[in-house]
Amino acid sequence: LGQLVQRQVPVFGPEKVPKLTKLRDLGRGGSFTAIAGTLADDFRTAQVQYRDNARPTLIPMTYKAGQVLVARHLNFNSLEEEASDDRCRLLAPLSTEILILSDERVRRHNQIVELIGVGWESSPYDESEVPRHWPFVLTAFGSQGTLQDLLRDIHRRHAPQETLRLYR
């Protein structure tokens, strides 16, 4: 959490998580489930802005209702099944993604999705009086699709030998 504050990444608790509607499953991996959704209401936060070589500054940002965002959640099934000692191992990919997306050089890059913030949500499988909370990553939706979409498109349009040449 200290690194998030140091890197000026907005962190929002369960009461401040933006409401997404029209959810669409983008895919699942070993650690994450990615879901695209439309903002139900305007969502205000702050983002780091970099100008030339000047120090980064926080500027207020408003994401408008109707805008599509992506939430990458941990696979709760895996978390709830693991012993508490193994949960740190399951959190490692999320921590790595947050550290990469919050790096100044990555945030300056115009072809990498914008990290909007990190939120906390209750586990849907925890029915205790005080449920555990797990982090998730909220990013802008890549209007050009995912890297997987791009690779599939290249593969469809080009012969296998030409595809290999494109990757080298």
N, C-alpha and C. Protein backbone atom coordinates (compact mmCIF):
# COMPACT_ATOMS: atom_id res chain seq x y z
N LEU A 1 0.83 -1.19 0.00
CA LEU A 1 0.00 0.00 0.00
C LEU A 1 0.87 1.25 0.00
N GLY A 2 2.01 1.18 0.68
CA GLY A 2 2.91 2.31 0.73
C GLY A 2 3.43 2.69 -0.65
N GLN A 3 3.73 1.68 -1.48
CA GLN A 3 4.21 1.97 -2.83
C GLN A 3 3.12 2.62 -3.68
N LEU A 4 1.86 2.24 -3.46
CA LEU A 4 0.77 2.87 -4.21
C LEU A 4 0.68 4.35 -3.87
N VAL A 5 0.80 4.66 -2.60
CA VAL A 5 0.74 6.06 -2.18
C VAL A 5 1.94 6.81 -2.75
N GLN A 6 3.11 6.20 -2.66
CA GLN A 6 4.32 6.84 -3.18
C GLN A 6 4.20 7.09 -4.68
N ARG A 7 3.59 6.16 -5.41
CA ARG A 7 3.44 6.31 -6.86
C ARG A 7 2.17 7.05 -7.23
N GLN A 8 1.46 7.57 -6.25
CA GLN A 8 0.26 8.39 -6.44
C GLN A 8 -0.84 7.64 -7.21
N VAL A 9 -1.07 6.40 -6.82
CA VAL A 9 -2.15 5.60 -7.42
C VAL A 9 -3.38 5.75 -6.53
N PRO A 10 -4.51 6.18 -7.09
CA PRO A 10 -5.73 6.27 -6.28
C PRO A 10 -6.14 4.90 -5.73
N VAL A 11 -6.49 4.88 -4.46
CA VAL A 11 -6.95 3.66 -3.80
C VAL A 11 -8.33 3.96 -3.25
N PHE A 12 -9.32 3.13 -3.57
CA PHE A 12 -10.66 3.37 -3.08
C PHE A 12 -11.21 2.13 -2.39
N GLY A 13 -11.90 2.36 -1.27
CA GLY A 13 -12.48 1.29 -0.49
C GLY A 13 -13.80 0.83 -1.08
N PRO A 14 -14.40 -0.19 -0.48
CA PRO A 14 -15.65 -0.76 -1.01
C PRO A 14 -16.76 0.27 -1.20
N GLU A 15 -16.81 1.28 -0.34
CA GLU A 15 -17.89 2.28 -0.46
C GLU A 15 -17.65 3.26 -1.60
N LYS A 16 -16.44 3.33 -2.13
CA LYS A 16 -16.12 4.28 -3.20
C LYS A 16 -15.90 3.62 -4.56
N VAL A 17 -16.07 2.30 -4.63
CA VAL A 17 -15.85 1.58 -5.89
C VAL A 17 -16.92 2.00 -6.90
N PRO A 18 -16.51 2.38 -8.10
CA PRO A 18 -17.51 2.79 -9.10
C PRO A 18 -18.40 1.62 -9.50
N LYS A 19 -19.67 1.91 -9.72
CA LYS A 19 -20.63 0.87 -10.11
C LYS A 19 -20.55 0.68 -11.62
N LEU A 20 -20.29 -0.58 -12.02
CA LEU A 20 -20.24 -0.92 -13.44
C LEU A 20 -21.47 -1.74 -13.79
N THR A 21 -22.07 -1.44 -14.94
CA THR A 21 -23.22 -2.18 -15.44
C THR A 21 -22.87 -2.76 -16.81
N LYS A 22 -23.78 -3.52 -17.37
CA LYS A 22 -23.57 -4.14 -18.68
C LYS A 22 -22.23 -4.87 -18.71
N LEU A 23 -22.03 -5.71 -17.71
CA LEU A 23 -20.76 -6.41 -17.57
C LEU A 23 -20.53 -7.41 -18.69
N ARG A 24 -19.29 -7.46 -19.12
CA ARG A 24 -18.89 -8.40 -20.19
C ARG A 24 -17.59 -9.08 -19.76
N ASP A 25 -17.61 -10.39 -19.74
CA ASP A 25 -16.42 -11.16 -19.35
C ASP A 25 -15.39 -11.07 -20.46
N LEU A 26 -14.19 -10.58 -20.13
CA LEU A 26 -13.12 -10.47 -21.12
C LEU A 26 -12.19 -11.67 -21.10
N GLY A 27 -12.23 -12.43 -20.02
CA GLY A 27 -11.38 -13.61 -19.96
C GLY A 27 -10.92 -13.91 -18.55
N ARG A 28 -10.40 -15.13 -18.41
CA ARG A 28 -9.91 -15.60 -17.12
C ARG A 28 -8.54 -16.22 -17.31
N GLY A 29 -7.71 -16.03 -16.32
CA GLY A 29 -6.40 -16.65 -16.32
C GLY A 29 -6.20 -17.37 -15.01
N GLY A 30 -4.96 -17.71 -14.73
CA GLY A 30 -4.67 -18.40 -13.48
C GLY A 30 -4.91 -17.52 -12.27
N SER A 31 -4.73 -16.23 -12.41
CA SER A 31 -4.82 -15.32 -11.26
C SER A 31 -5.99 -14.34 -11.34
N PHE A 32 -6.38 -13.94 -12.56
CA PHE A 32 -7.35 -12.86 -12.73
C PHE A 32 -8.58 -13.28 -13.50
N THR A 33 -9.63 -12.50 -13.29
CA THR A 33 -10.80 -12.48 -14.13
C THR A 33 -10.95 -11.04 -14.58
N ALA A 34 -10.99 -10.80 -15.87
CA ALA A 34 -11.13 -9.44 -16.39
C ALA A 34 -12.56 -9.22 -16.88
N ILE A 35 -13.15 -8.13 -16.42
CA ILE A 35 -14.53 -7.81 -16.75
C ILE A 35 -14.60 -6.36 -17.23
N ALA A 36 -15.23 -6.15 -18.37
CA ALA A 36 -15.48 -4.79 -18.86
C ALA A 36 -16.89 -4.40 -18.43
N GLY A 37 -17.06 -3.16 -18.07
CA GLY A 37 -18.37 -2.70 -17.67
C GLY A 37 -18.52 -1.21 -17.96
N THR A 38 -19.76 -0.78 -18.06
CA THR A 38 -20.08 0.61 -18.32
C THR A 38 -20.34 1.32 -17.00
N LEU A 39 -19.73 2.49 -16.84
CA LEU A 39 -19.95 3.26 -15.61
C LEU A 39 -21.41 3.68 -15.51
N ALA A 40 -22.02 3.39 -14.37
CA ALA A 40 -23.41 3.75 -14.16
C ALA A 40 -23.54 5.25 -13.84
N ASP A 41 -22.57 5.79 -13.13
CA ASP A 41 -22.59 7.20 -12.72
C ASP A 41 -21.22 7.81 -12.99
N ASP A 42 -21.15 9.13 -12.99
CA ASP A 42 -19.85 9.78 -13.09
C ASP A 42 -18.99 9.32 -11.92
N PHE A 43 -17.71 9.19 -12.16
CA PHE A 43 -16.77 8.74 -11.14
C PHE A 43 -15.61 9.73 -11.08
N ARG A 44 -15.39 10.30 -9.91
CA ARG A 44 -14.33 11.29 -9.75
C ARG A 44 -13.16 10.70 -8.98
N THR A 45 -11.98 10.97 -9.46
CA THR A 45 -10.75 10.54 -8.79
C THR A 45 -9.66 11.52 -9.19
N ALA A 46 -8.43 11.21 -8.89
CA ALA A 46 -7.30 12.05 -9.30
C ALA A 46 -6.31 11.15 -10.04
N GLN A 47 -5.65 11.71 -11.02
CA GLN A 47 -4.64 10.98 -11.79
C GLN A 47 -3.36 11.76 -11.82
N VAL A 48 -2.28 11.03 -11.95
CA VAL A 48 -0.97 11.67 -12.08
C VAL A 48 -0.82 12.14 -13.52
N GLN A 49 -0.35 13.36 -13.68
CA GLN A 49 -0.09 13.88 -15.02
C GLN A 49 1.40 14.22 -15.11
N TYR A 50 2.00 13.79 -16.20
CA TYR A 50 3.41 14.05 -16.43
C TYR A 50 3.54 15.07 -17.56
N ARG A 51 4.31 16.11 -17.34
CA ARG A 51 4.54 17.11 -18.37
C ARG A 51 6.04 17.24 -18.57
N ASP A 52 6.49 16.90 -19.75
CA ASP A 52 7.91 16.99 -20.09
C ASP A 52 8.74 16.38 -18.98
N ASN A 53 9.71 17.12 -18.48
CA ASN A 53 10.56 16.60 -17.41
C ASN A 53 10.17 17.15 -16.04
N ALA A 54 9.03 17.79 -15.96
CA ALA A 54 8.58 18.36 -14.70
C ALA A 54 8.14 17.25 -13.75
N ARG A 55 8.05 17.59 -12.50
CA ARG A 55 7.58 16.63 -11.50
C ARG A 55 6.12 16.27 -11.79
N PRO A 56 5.73 15.03 -11.52
CA PRO A 56 4.34 14.65 -11.74
C PRO A 56 3.41 15.41 -10.79
N THR A 57 2.22 15.73 -11.28
CA THR A 57 1.23 16.42 -10.46
C THR A 57 -0.09 15.66 -10.52
N LEU A 58 -0.85 15.75 -9.44
CA LEU A 58 -2.17 15.13 -9.39
C LEU A 58 -3.20 16.10 -9.96
N ILE A 59 -4.01 15.60 -10.86
CA ILE A 59 -5.07 16.43 -11.42
C ILE A 59 -6.40 15.71 -11.21
N PRO A 60 -7.48 16.44 -10.96
CA PRO A 60 -8.78 15.79 -10.80
C PRO A 60 -9.24 15.22 -12.14
N MET A 61 -9.83 14.06 -12.08
CA MET A 61 -10.35 13.39 -13.29
C MET A 61 -11.79 12.98 -13.04
N THR A 62 -12.60 13.11 -14.07
CA THR A 62 -13.97 12.61 -14.00
C THR A 62 -14.17 11.65 -15.15
N TYR A 63 -14.55 10.45 -14.82
CA TYR A 63 -14.90 9.45 -15.84
C TYR A 63 -16.42 9.51 -15.93
N LYS A 64 -16.92 9.71 -17.13
CA LYS A 64 -18.35 9.97 -17.34
C LYS A 64 -19.16 8.68 -17.37
N ALA A 65 -20.40 8.79 -16.91
CA ALA A 65 -21.33 7.67 -16.99
C ALA A 65 -21.41 7.22 -18.45
N GLY A 66 -21.39 5.93 -18.68
CA GLY A 66 -21.42 5.39 -20.03
C GLY A 66 -20.05 5.00 -20.54
N GLN A 67 -19.00 5.48 -19.90
CA GLN A 67 -17.64 5.12 -20.31
C GLN A 67 -17.35 3.67 -19.89
N VAL A 68 -16.62 2.95 -20.72
CA VAL A 68 -16.29 1.55 -20.43
C VAL A 68 -14.95 1.48 -19.71
N LEU A 69 -14.95 0.75 -18.59
CA LEU A 69 -13.74 0.51 -17.81
C LEU A 69 -13.54 -1.00 -17.67
N VAL A 70 -12.35 -1.39 -17.26
CA VAL A 70 -12.05 -2.80 -17.05
C VAL A 70 -11.62 -3.01 -15.61
N ALA A 71 -12.21 -4.00 -14.97
CA ALA A 71 -11.82 -4.39 -13.61
C ALA A 71 -11.18 -5.77 -13.70
N ARG A 72 -9.97 -5.86 -13.15
CA ARG A 72 -9.29 -7.15 -13.09
C ARG A 72 -9.34 -7.61 -11.63
N HIS A 73 -10.16 -8.63 -11.42
CA HIS A 73 -10.36 -9.17 -10.08
C HIS A 73 -9.52 -10.43 -9.90
N LEU A 74 -9.15 -10.70 -8.68
CA LEU A 74 -8.50 -11.97 -8.38
C LEU A 74 -9.53 -13.08 -8.54
N ASN A 75 -9.07 -14.26 -8.89
CA ASN A 75 -9.97 -15.41 -8.95
C ASN A 75 -10.29 -15.83 -7.52
N PHE A 76 -11.46 -15.45 -7.05
CA PHE A 76 -11.83 -15.69 -5.65
C PHE A 76 -11.85 -17.17 -5.32
N ASN A 77 -12.25 -18.01 -6.26
CA ASN A 77 -12.30 -19.44 -5.99
C ASN A 77 -10.93 -19.92 -5.51
N SER A 78 -9.88 -19.50 -6.20
CA SER A 78 -8.53 -19.91 -5.85
C SER A 78 -8.15 -19.37 -4.48
N LEU A 79 -8.49 -18.13 -4.20
CA LEU A 79 -8.12 -17.52 -2.92
C LEU A 79 -8.78 -18.21 -1.75
N GLU A 80 -10.05 -18.50 -1.88
CA GLU A 80 -10.78 -19.09 -0.76
C GLU A 80 -10.36 -20.53 -0.51
N GLU A 81 -9.89 -21.22 -1.56
CA GLU A 81 -9.47 -22.61 -1.39
C GLU A 81 -8.08 -22.73 -0.80
N GLU A 82 -7.25 -21.72 -0.94
CA GLU A 82 -5.86 -21.77 -0.48
C GLU A 82 -5.75 -21.54 1.02
N ALA A 83 -4.73 -22.16 1.60
CA ALA A 83 -4.40 -21.87 2.99
C ALA A 83 -3.90 -20.42 3.07
N SER A 84 -4.04 -19.81 4.22
CA SER A 84 -3.69 -18.39 4.33
C SER A 84 -2.23 -18.12 3.96
N ASP A 85 -1.33 -19.07 4.19
CA ASP A 85 0.08 -18.87 3.83
C ASP A 85 0.26 -18.78 2.32
N ASP A 86 -0.59 -19.47 1.56
CA ASP A 86 -0.45 -19.50 0.11
C ASP A 86 -1.13 -18.31 -0.56
N ARG A 87 -1.92 -17.55 0.16
CA ARG A 87 -2.64 -16.42 -0.44
C ARG A 87 -1.67 -15.34 -0.92
N CYS A 88 -0.57 -15.17 -0.23
CA CYS A 88 0.43 -14.17 -0.67
C CYS A 88 0.94 -14.53 -2.05
N ARG A 89 1.12 -15.81 -2.31
CA ARG A 89 1.58 -16.26 -3.63
C ARG A 89 0.54 -15.92 -4.69
N LEU A 90 -0.74 -16.04 -4.35
CA LEU A 90 -1.80 -15.73 -5.31
C LEU A 90 -1.94 -14.22 -5.54
N LEU A 91 -1.52 -13.41 -4.58
CA LEU A 91 -1.59 -11.96 -4.73
C LEU A 91 -0.42 -11.40 -5.52
N ALA A 92 0.64 -12.19 -5.67
CA ALA A 92 1.86 -11.70 -6.35
C ALA A 92 1.60 -11.19 -7.77
N PRO A 93 0.84 -11.90 -8.63
CA PRO A 93 0.62 -11.36 -9.99
C PRO A 93 -0.11 -10.02 -9.99
N LEU A 94 -1.05 -9.83 -9.08
CA LEU A 94 -1.77 -8.57 -8.99
C LEU A 94 -0.82 -7.46 -8.54
N SER A 95 -0.01 -7.75 -7.54
CA SER A 95 0.97 -6.77 -7.07
C SER A 95 1.92 -6.36 -8.18
N THR A 96 2.36 -7.34 -8.96
CA THR A 96 3.28 -7.07 -10.06
C THR A 96 2.61 -6.18 -11.10
N GLU A 97 1.37 -6.48 -11.45
CA GLU A 97 0.65 -5.68 -12.45
C GLU A 97 0.48 -4.24 -11.96
N ILE A 98 0.15 -4.07 -10.70
CA ILE A 98 -0.02 -2.72 -10.16
C ILE A 98 1.30 -1.96 -10.20
N LEU A 99 2.38 -2.62 -9.82
CA LEU A 99 3.69 -1.95 -9.83
C LEU A 99 4.10 -1.56 -11.25
N ILE A 100 3.82 -2.42 -12.22
CA ILE A 100 4.17 -2.11 -13.61
C ILE A 100 3.32 -0.96 -14.13
N LEU A 101 1.99 -1.06 -13.97
CA LEU A 101 1.11 -0.02 -14.49
C LEU A 101 1.28 1.33 -13.78
N SER A 102 1.81 1.31 -12.56
CA SER A 102 1.99 2.56 -11.84
C SER A 102 3.37 3.16 -12.03
N ASP A 103 4.23 2.48 -12.77
CA ASP A 103 5.56 3.01 -13.04
C ASP A 103 5.44 4.25 -13.93
N GLU A 104 6.22 5.27 -13.64
CA GLU A 104 6.14 6.54 -14.37
C GLU A 104 6.32 6.35 -15.87
N ARG A 105 7.27 5.51 -16.28
CA ARG A 105 7.52 5.33 -17.72
C ARG A 105 6.33 4.68 -18.42
N VAL A 106 5.68 3.76 -17.72
CA VAL A 106 4.50 3.10 -18.29
C VAL A 106 3.33 4.07 -18.34
N ARG A 107 3.15 4.85 -17.29
CA ARG A 107 2.04 5.80 -17.24
C ARG A 107 2.17 6.88 -18.31
N ARG A 108 3.37 7.20 -18.71
CA ARG A 108 3.58 8.20 -19.75
C ARG A 108 3.29 7.66 -21.15
N HIS A 109 3.29 6.34 -21.29
CA HIS A 109 3.17 5.73 -22.62
C HIS A 109 1.72 5.81 -23.10
N ASN A 110 1.51 6.33 -24.30
CA ASN A 110 0.14 6.53 -24.79
C ASN A 110 -0.49 5.26 -25.37
N GLN A 111 0.25 4.17 -25.46
CA GLN A 111 -0.32 2.94 -26.01
C GLN A 111 -0.52 1.86 -24.94
N ILE A 112 -0.44 2.25 -23.70
CA ILE A 112 -0.69 1.33 -22.59
C ILE A 112 -1.89 1.88 -21.83
N VAL A 113 -2.81 0.98 -21.48
CA VAL A 113 -4.04 1.43 -20.83
C VAL A 113 -3.74 2.19 -19.54
N GLU A 114 -4.60 3.13 -19.26
CA GLU A 114 -4.46 3.99 -18.09
C GLU A 114 -4.89 3.25 -16.83
N LEU A 115 -4.04 3.27 -15.82
CA LEU A 115 -4.39 2.73 -14.51
C LEU A 115 -5.23 3.78 -13.80
N ILE A 116 -6.48 3.46 -13.52
CA ILE A 116 -7.37 4.41 -12.85
C ILE A 116 -7.20 4.32 -11.34
N GLY A 117 -7.01 3.11 -10.85
CA GLY A 117 -6.80 2.97 -9.42
C GLY A 117 -6.89 1.53 -8.97
N VAL A 118 -6.77 1.36 -7.69
CA VAL A 118 -6.87 0.05 -7.06
C VAL A 118 -8.02 0.13 -6.06
N GLY A 119 -8.91 -0.83 -6.15
CA GLY A 119 -10.05 -0.87 -5.25
C GLY A 119 -10.01 -2.08 -4.35
N TRP A 120 -10.86 -2.10 -3.37
CA TRP A 120 -10.98 -3.23 -2.45
C TRP A 120 -12.43 -3.69 -2.47
N GLU A 121 -12.61 -5.00 -2.53
CA GLU A 121 -13.96 -5.55 -2.55
C GLU A 121 -14.04 -6.76 -1.63
N SER A 122 -15.24 -7.02 -1.17
CA SER A 122 -15.47 -8.18 -0.31
C SER A 122 -15.49 -9.43 -1.15
N SER A 123 -15.02 -10.50 -0.55
CA SER A 123 -15.08 -11.79 -1.22
C SER A 123 -16.52 -12.26 -1.26
N PRO A 124 -17.00 -12.72 -2.42
CA PRO A 124 -18.39 -13.21 -2.48
C PRO A 124 -18.57 -14.53 -1.74
N TYR A 125 -17.47 -15.19 -1.37
CA TYR A 125 -17.55 -16.49 -0.70
C TYR A 125 -17.38 -16.39 0.81
N ASP A 126 -17.09 -15.20 1.31
CA ASP A 126 -16.86 -15.01 2.74
C ASP A 126 -18.15 -14.51 3.37
N GLU A 127 -18.78 -15.36 4.19
CA GLU A 127 -20.05 -15.00 4.81
C GLU A 127 -19.90 -14.59 6.27
N SER A 128 -18.68 -14.30 6.69
CA SER A 128 -18.46 -13.92 8.08
C SER A 128 -18.99 -12.52 8.33
N GLU A 129 -19.07 -12.16 9.61
CA GLU A 129 -19.60 -10.85 9.98
C GLU A 129 -18.73 -9.72 9.44
N VAL A 130 -17.42 -9.94 9.44
CA VAL A 130 -16.48 -8.97 8.88
C VAL A 130 -15.75 -9.67 7.74
N PRO A 131 -16.28 -9.57 6.52
CA PRO A 131 -15.68 -10.30 5.40
C PRO A 131 -14.30 -9.77 5.02
N ARG A 132 -13.49 -10.67 4.47
CA ARG A 132 -12.18 -10.27 3.98
C ARG A 132 -12.35 -9.41 2.73
N HIS A 133 -11.41 -8.52 2.54
CA HIS A 133 -11.42 -7.67 1.35
C HIS A 133 -10.17 -7.97 0.53
N TRP A 134 -10.36 -7.97 -0.78
CA TRP A 134 -9.27 -8.27 -1.71
C TRP A 134 -9.13 -7.13 -2.70
N PRO A 135 -7.92 -6.87 -3.16
CA PRO A 135 -7.72 -5.77 -4.12
C PRO A 135 -8.12 -6.16 -5.54
N PHE A 136 -8.44 -5.15 -6.33
CA PHE A 136 -8.64 -5.33 -7.77
C PHE A 136 -8.09 -4.10 -8.47
N VAL A 137 -7.81 -4.24 -9.75
CA VAL A 137 -7.23 -3.17 -10.56
C VAL A 137 -8.30 -2.62 -11.49
N LEU A 138 -8.43 -1.32 -11.56
CA LEU A 138 -9.38 -0.67 -12.45
C LEU A 138 -8.59 0.11 -13.50
N THR A 139 -8.83 -0.19 -14.78
CA THR A 139 -8.13 0.48 -15.87
C THR A 139 -9.13 0.97 -16.90
N ALA A 140 -8.63 1.82 -17.77
CA ALA A 140 -9.43 2.24 -18.92
C ALA A 140 -9.56 1.05 -19.86
N PHE A 141 -10.55 1.06 -20.71
CA PHE A 141 -10.75 0.00 -21.69
C PHE A 141 -9.95 0.35 -22.93
N GLY A 142 -9.14 -0.58 -23.40
CA GLY A 142 -8.35 -0.36 -24.61
C GLY A 142 -9.25 -0.39 -25.83
N SER A 143 -9.44 0.75 -26.46
CA SER A 143 -10.38 0.84 -27.57
C SER A 143 -9.97 0.01 -28.77
N GLN A 144 -8.69 -0.32 -28.85
CA GLN A 144 -8.22 -1.14 -29.98
C GLN A 144 -8.24 -2.63 -29.65
N GLY A 145 -8.78 -3.00 -28.49
CA GLY A 145 -8.84 -4.40 -28.10
C GLY A 145 -7.64 -4.81 -27.26
N THR A 146 -7.53 -6.10 -27.05
CA THR A 146 -6.45 -6.62 -26.23
C THR A 146 -5.27 -7.04 -27.09
N LEU A 147 -4.15 -7.31 -26.45
CA LEU A 147 -2.99 -7.83 -27.16
C LEU A 147 -3.35 -9.16 -27.82
N GLN A 148 -4.12 -9.97 -27.13
CA GLN A 148 -4.54 -11.25 -27.70
C GLN A 148 -5.37 -11.03 -28.97
N ASP A 149 -6.25 -10.04 -28.98
CA ASP A 149 -7.03 -9.72 -30.18
C ASP A 149 -6.11 -9.36 -31.34
N LEU A 150 -5.12 -8.53 -31.06
CA LEU A 150 -4.17 -8.11 -32.09
C LEU A 150 -3.42 -9.31 -32.66
N LEU A 151 -2.92 -10.17 -31.78
CA LEU A 151 -2.16 -11.34 -32.25
C LEU A 151 -3.04 -12.29 -33.07
N ARG A 152 -4.27 -12.48 -32.64
CA ARG A 152 -5.19 -13.33 -33.42
C ARG A 152 -5.47 -12.73 -34.79
N ASP A 153 -5.66 -11.40 -34.83
CA ASP A 153 -5.92 -10.72 -36.10
C ASP A 153 -4.72 -10.86 -37.04
N ILE A 154 -3.52 -10.66 -36.52
CA ILE A 154 -2.32 -10.82 -37.35
C ILE A 154 -2.23 -12.24 -37.88
N HIS A 155 -2.50 -13.20 -37.02
CA HIS A 155 -2.43 -14.61 -37.42
C HIS A 155 -3.45 -14.93 -38.52
N ARG A 156 -4.65 -14.38 -38.41
CA ARG A 156 -5.69 -14.62 -39.42
C ARG A 156 -5.33 -13.99 -40.76
N ARG A 157 -4.72 -12.82 -40.72
CA ARG A 157 -4.45 -12.08 -41.96
C ARG A 157 -3.16 -12.52 -42.67
N HIS A 158 -2.28 -13.19 -41.98
CA HIS A 158 -0.98 -13.53 -42.57
C HIS A 158 -0.73 -15.02 -42.52
N ALA A 159 0.01 -15.50 -43.50
CA ALA A 159 0.42 -16.90 -43.52
C ALA A 159 1.31 -17.17 -42.31
N PRO A 160 1.37 -18.40 -41.81
CA PRO A 160 2.19 -18.71 -40.63
C PRO A 160 3.64 -18.24 -40.73
N GLN A 161 4.29 -18.39 -41.88
CA GLN A 161 5.69 -17.96 -42.01
C GLN A 161 5.82 -16.44 -41.88
N GLU A 162 4.87 -15.72 -42.46
CA GLU A 162 4.91 -14.27 -42.37
C GLU A 162 4.63 -13.80 -40.94
N THR A 163 3.73 -14.51 -40.24
CA THR A 163 3.44 -14.20 -38.86
C THR A 163 4.69 -14.34 -38.01
N LEU A 164 5.46 -15.40 -38.20
CA LEU A 164 6.71 -15.57 -37.48
C LEU A 164 7.67 -14.42 -37.72
N ARG A 165 7.75 -13.98 -38.97
CA ARG A 165 8.63 -12.87 -39.31
C ARG A 165 8.19 -11.59 -38.59
N LEU A 166 6.89 -11.37 -38.46
CA LEU A 166 6.38 -10.17 -37.79
C LEU A 166 6.74 -10.15 -36.31
N TYR A 167 6.84 -11.33 -35.69
CA TYR A 167 7.15 -11.40 -34.25
C TYR A 167 8.62 -11.23 -33.95
N ARG A 168 9.49 -11.39 -34.95
CA ARG A 168 10.94 -11.32 -34.70
C ARG A 168 11.43 -9.91 -34.61
